[in-house]
Amino acid sequence: RPSVAMAATGPESPKAVTSPRDSENASTSAGKWIHYGGVEIRTRLGGENGAFDGQDRMLSMRADRHKDAASRDPDDFDALYSWALVLQEQAERAEAKGADASRRSDLLAKACARYDAAHRCRPRSHSTLYNWGIALGDRARMSADAPTARQLWGEACDKYRAAVECDVAKTQSTQALNNWGLALQQLATVSRERDEKRRRLLAAVGRFREAIRRDPSFHRAVYNLGTIMYALSEMARSTG
């Protein structure tokens, strides 16, 4: 029996941060697929698998280096974007280690602030918006307060929408469309009114269908669409 898909993100294993230029030019094969709540979703752009001793210390050193660079030049997109990626990586590792939720929340909030600053430097950066959406979704997933979760999921949707709009050639946005659909699905789960839930789910259907239209081989979006259709059918059946 399928269940409603979850939209939160988090890696199975730590990843080393690449340069923002690498991420900006990354193909859709970059990043990694993970399983969460019965759904396969894509982790943030700009990461590679990495496992080496002292990685936490290395990440801390990288964060300090990018922080210093951004302090010297507040408009340094590369420094701001790379700093955000490192903070997001640190939050993911903290979660994997079972660290205190407040520590993870603080790291994600700082990552979002850095993505915001990077976005002001380069408003059309697809990967900045995409990764920002993931960080917001992670914060929403951690929140025990429904109004806060709704706000954060809504902000995540806004970032995915903007990422899709930046992809004029429509060659990089299938992942953003998929995550946008998942974020809408999460908005449905925290919505108070039945009509609002249904409206969010129908909007998610549109995002998954568009992802499939752009890439018919994108089987994860096909699966996610199936979970949405099942949820809608259950809603219809419950109302008689």
Protein backbone atom coordinates (compact mmCIF):
# COMPACT_ATOMS: atom_id res chain seq x y z
CA ARG A 1 0.00 0.00 0.00
CA PRO A 2 1.69 3.24 -1.06
CA SER A 3 1.98 6.10 1.39
CA VAL A 4 2.12 9.86 0.90
CA ALA A 5 5.68 10.81 0.01
CA MET A 6 7.92 12.85 2.25
CA ALA A 7 9.87 15.78 0.84
CA ALA A 8 12.68 16.22 3.31
CA THR A 9 16.27 15.78 2.27
CA GLY A 10 19.47 14.48 3.78
CA PRO A 11 22.35 12.42 2.46
CA GLU A 12 23.13 8.80 3.18
CA SER A 13 26.82 9.63 3.31
CA PRO A 14 28.89 12.82 3.58
CA LYS A 15 29.94 14.61 0.43
CA ALA A 16 32.87 16.91 -0.22
CA VAL A 17 31.96 20.37 -1.48
CA THR A 18 32.99 21.29 -5.00
CA SER A 19 33.56 24.81 -6.24
CA PRO A 20 30.49 26.87 -7.13
CA ARG A 21 31.64 27.07 -10.72
CA ASP A 22 31.63 23.27 -10.88
CA SER A 23 28.13 23.26 -9.44
CA GLU A 24 26.88 25.97 -11.76
CA ASN A 25 27.97 23.91 -14.75
CA ALA A 26 26.97 20.54 -13.33
CA SER A 27 24.83 18.22 -15.41
CA THR A 28 21.72 16.59 -14.02
CA SER A 29 23.83 13.57 -13.12
CA ALA A 30 25.56 15.55 -10.36
CA GLY A 31 24.56 14.99 -6.76
CA LYS A 32 23.06 11.83 -5.36
CA TRP A 33 19.72 10.08 -5.00
CA ILE A 34 18.58 9.03 -1.54
CA HIS A 35 15.56 7.26 -0.08
CA TYR A 36 13.30 9.10 2.34
CA GLY A 37 9.79 8.15 3.38
CA GLY A 38 9.44 5.71 0.49
CA VAL A 39 10.45 8.28 -2.10
CA GLU A 40 13.70 8.82 -3.95
CA ILE A 41 14.79 12.44 -3.95
CA ARG A 42 17.85 14.31 -5.07
CA THR A 43 20.35 15.78 -2.67
CA ARG A 44 21.72 19.26 -3.15
CA LEU A 45 23.80 20.14 -6.18
CA GLY A 46 27.53 20.66 -5.88
CA GLY A 47 28.49 17.64 -3.80
CA GLU A 48 30.45 14.46 -4.35
CA ASN A 49 30.84 11.36 -2.26
CA GLY A 50 33.71 11.77 0.13
CA ALA A 51 35.03 9.86 3.10
CA PHE A 52 38.26 10.81 4.77
CA ASP A 53 39.53 11.20 8.31
CA GLY A 54 38.95 14.57 9.89
CA GLN A 55 36.21 15.60 7.48
CA ASP A 56 34.41 17.60 10.15
CA ARG A 57 37.60 19.52 10.83
CA MET A 58 38.15 20.00 7.12
CA LEU A 59 34.63 21.37 6.70
CA SER A 60 35.17 23.75 9.59
CA MET A 61 38.37 25.01 7.97
CA ARG A 62 36.58 25.49 4.66
CA ALA A 63 33.77 27.37 6.35
CA ASP A 64 36.28 29.69 8.02
CA ARG A 65 38.07 30.26 4.71
CA HIS A 66 34.87 31.14 2.86
CA LYS A 67 33.73 33.31 5.76
CA ASP A 68 36.99 35.27 5.62
CA ALA A 69 36.68 35.69 1.85
CA ALA A 70 33.10 36.93 2.18
CA SER A 71 34.15 39.32 4.93
CA ARG A 72 36.75 40.83 2.63
CA ASP A 73 34.28 41.10 -0.25
CA PRO A 74 30.56 40.88 0.67
CA ASP A 75 29.73 40.57 -3.04
CA ASP A 76 31.94 37.53 -3.63
CA PHE A 77 29.42 35.04 -5.00
CA ASP A 78 31.86 32.13 -5.00
CA ALA A 79 32.70 32.63 -1.32
CA LEU A 80 29.07 33.03 -0.25
CA TYR A 81 27.81 30.08 -2.27
CA SER A 82 30.64 27.78 -1.17
CA TRP A 83 30.15 28.83 2.45
CA ALA A 84 26.45 27.93 2.21
CA LEU A 85 27.29 24.51 0.76
CA VAL A 86 29.71 23.79 3.58
CA LEU A 87 27.18 24.83 6.23
CA GLN A 88 24.59 22.58 4.60
CA GLU A 89 27.09 19.73 4.55
CA GLN A 90 27.84 20.28 8.23
CA ALA A 91 24.13 20.15 9.03
CA GLU A 92 23.76 16.90 7.10
CA ARG A 93 26.69 15.33 8.93
CA ALA A 94 25.33 16.55 12.25
CA GLU A 95 22.01 14.87 11.49
CA ALA A 96 23.72 11.63 10.49
CA LYS A 97 25.56 11.66 13.81
CA GLY A 98 22.40 12.36 15.80
CA ALA A 99 23.55 15.79 16.93
CA ASP A 100 21.26 18.12 18.84
CA ALA A 101 18.45 19.48 16.67
CA SER A 102 19.27 23.05 17.63
CA ARG A 103 22.78 22.63 16.21
CA ARG A 104 21.42 21.38 12.88
CA SER A 105 18.77 24.08 12.78
CA ASP A 106 21.35 26.79 13.40
CA LEU A 107 23.60 25.49 10.62
CA LEU A 108 20.71 25.33 8.16
CA ALA A 109 19.54 28.83 9.07
CA LYS A 110 23.06 30.12 8.45
CA ALA A 111 23.21 28.25 5.14
CA CYS A 112 19.93 29.88 4.07
CA ALA A 113 21.32 33.30 4.97
CA ARG A 114 24.41 32.65 2.83
CA TYR A 115 22.27 31.43 -0.09
CA ASP A 116 20.23 34.60 0.25
CA ALA A 117 23.37 36.72 0.03
CA ALA A 118 24.70 34.68 -2.91
CA HIS A 119 21.35 35.05 -4.67
CA ARG A 120 21.56 38.82 -4.38
CA CYS A 121 24.95 38.65 -6.10
CA ARG A 122 23.76 36.32 -8.85
CA PRO A 123 19.94 36.23 -9.05
CA ARG A 124 19.87 33.79 -11.98
CA SER A 125 21.94 31.07 -10.31
CA HIS A 126 19.89 27.89 -10.67
CA SER A 127 21.95 25.85 -8.21
CA THR A 128 21.79 28.57 -5.54
CA LEU A 129 18.00 28.60 -5.67
CA TYR A 130 17.78 24.81 -5.84
CA ASN A 131 20.06 24.21 -2.86
CA TRP A 132 18.38 27.02 -0.93
CA GLY A 133 15.07 25.24 -1.44
CA ILE A 134 16.52 22.02 -0.05
CA ALA A 135 17.88 23.81 3.03
CA LEU A 136 14.48 25.40 3.65
CA GLY A 137 12.83 22.01 3.28
CA ASP A 138 15.23 20.50 5.80
CA ARG A 139 14.35 23.26 8.24
CA ALA A 140 10.64 22.66 7.67
CA ARG A 141 11.09 18.94 8.24
CA MET A 142 12.75 19.63 11.59
CA SER A 143 10.11 22.08 12.79
CA ALA A 144 7.58 20.81 15.32
CA ASP A 145 5.52 23.98 14.88
CA ALA A 146 2.95 23.61 12.09
CA PRO A 147 2.73 27.33 11.16
CA THR A 148 6.52 27.54 10.94
CA ALA A 149 6.66 24.37 8.86
CA ARG A 150 4.01 25.75 6.50
CA GLN A 151 5.97 28.96 6.08
CA LEU A 152 9.24 27.16 5.39
CA TRP A 153 7.69 24.70 2.93
CA GLY A 154 6.10 27.67 1.17
CA GLU A 155 9.47 29.41 0.94
CA ALA A 156 11.02 26.20 -0.40
CA CYS A 157 8.35 26.13 -3.12
CA ASP A 158 9.20 29.72 -4.02
CA LYS A 159 12.87 28.83 -4.44
CA TYR A 160 12.14 25.78 -6.60
CA ARG A 161 9.78 27.87 -8.72
CA ALA A 162 12.49 30.47 -9.22
CA ALA A 163 15.04 27.76 -10.06
CA VAL A 164 12.72 26.41 -12.75
CA GLU A 165 12.18 29.90 -14.15
CA CYS A 166 15.95 30.41 -14.38
CA ASP A 167 16.26 27.34 -16.60
CA VAL A 168 15.28 29.01 -19.86
CA ALA A 169 16.56 26.08 -21.92
CA LYS A 170 14.54 23.66 -19.75
CA THR A 171 17.48 21.28 -19.45
CA GLN A 172 18.33 21.51 -15.73
CA SER A 173 15.03 21.88 -13.93
CA THR A 174 13.57 18.38 -13.72
CA GLN A 175 15.08 17.95 -10.24
CA ALA A 176 13.69 21.30 -9.11
CA LEU A 177 10.26 20.39 -10.48
CA ASN A 178 10.37 17.08 -8.62
CA ASN A 179 11.37 18.70 -5.33
CA TRP A 180 8.82 21.45 -5.87
CA GLY A 181 6.14 18.79 -6.17
CA LEU A 182 7.36 17.10 -3.00
CA ALA A 183 7.37 20.42 -1.13
CA LEU A 184 3.80 21.05 -2.26
CA GLN A 185 2.92 17.59 -1.01
CA GLN A 186 4.38 18.46 2.37
CA LEU A 187 2.42 21.71 2.39
CA ALA A 188 -0.68 19.59 1.89
CA THR A 189 0.15 17.46 4.93
CA VAL A 190 0.43 20.53 7.18
CA SER A 191 -2.54 22.38 5.69
CA ARG A 192 -5.52 22.81 7.97
CA GLU A 193 -8.35 22.89 5.44
CA ARG A 194 -9.33 19.95 3.26
CA ASP A 195 -9.78 22.13 0.18
CA GLU A 196 -6.33 23.59 0.69
CA LYS A 197 -4.84 20.10 0.98
CA ARG A 198 -6.48 19.07 -2.27
CA ARG A 199 -5.34 22.24 -4.02
CA ARG A 200 -1.73 21.63 -2.93
CA LEU A 201 -1.84 18.03 -4.09
CA LEU A 202 -3.26 19.01 -7.48
CA ALA A 203 -0.49 21.61 -7.84
CA ALA A 204 2.06 18.89 -7.04
CA VAL A 205 0.54 16.73 -9.79
CA GLY A 206 1.30 19.53 -12.24
CA ARG A 207 4.93 19.77 -11.13
CA PHE A 208 5.55 16.03 -11.44
CA ARG A 209 3.85 15.88 -14.83
CA GLU A 210 5.98 18.74 -16.11
CA ALA A 211 9.13 17.00 -14.85
CA ILE A 212 8.09 13.86 -16.71
CA ARG A 213 7.24 15.86 -19.84
CA ARG A 214 10.74 17.33 -19.85
CA ASP A 215 12.37 13.98 -19.14
CA PRO A 216 10.17 10.94 -19.83
CA SER A 217 12.85 8.65 -18.35
CA PHE A 218 12.65 10.42 -14.98
CA HIS A 219 11.10 7.44 -13.19
CA ARG A 220 11.29 9.01 -9.72
CA ALA A 221 8.87 11.74 -10.77
CA VAL A 222 6.62 9.02 -12.19
CA TYR A 223 6.65 7.25 -8.83
CA ASN A 224 6.01 10.47 -6.93
CA LEU A 225 3.11 11.27 -9.25
CA GLY A 226 1.66 7.88 -8.41
CA THR A 227 1.77 8.59 -4.67
CA ILE A 228 -0.03 11.89 -5.22
CA MET A 229 -2.74 10.29 -7.33
CA TYR A 230 -3.21 7.65 -4.64
CA ALA A 231 -3.54 10.34 -1.95
CA LEU A 232 -6.12 12.18 -4.06
CA SER A 233 -8.09 8.98 -4.62
CA GLU A 234 -8.09 8.30 -0.88
CA MET A 235 -9.40 11.82 -0.24
CA ALA A 236 -12.15 11.33 -2.80
CA ARG A 237 -13.13 7.97 -1.34
CA SER A 238 -13.28 9.35 2.21
CA THR A 239 -15.78 12.00 1.12
CA GLY A 240 -17.99 9.40 -0.50
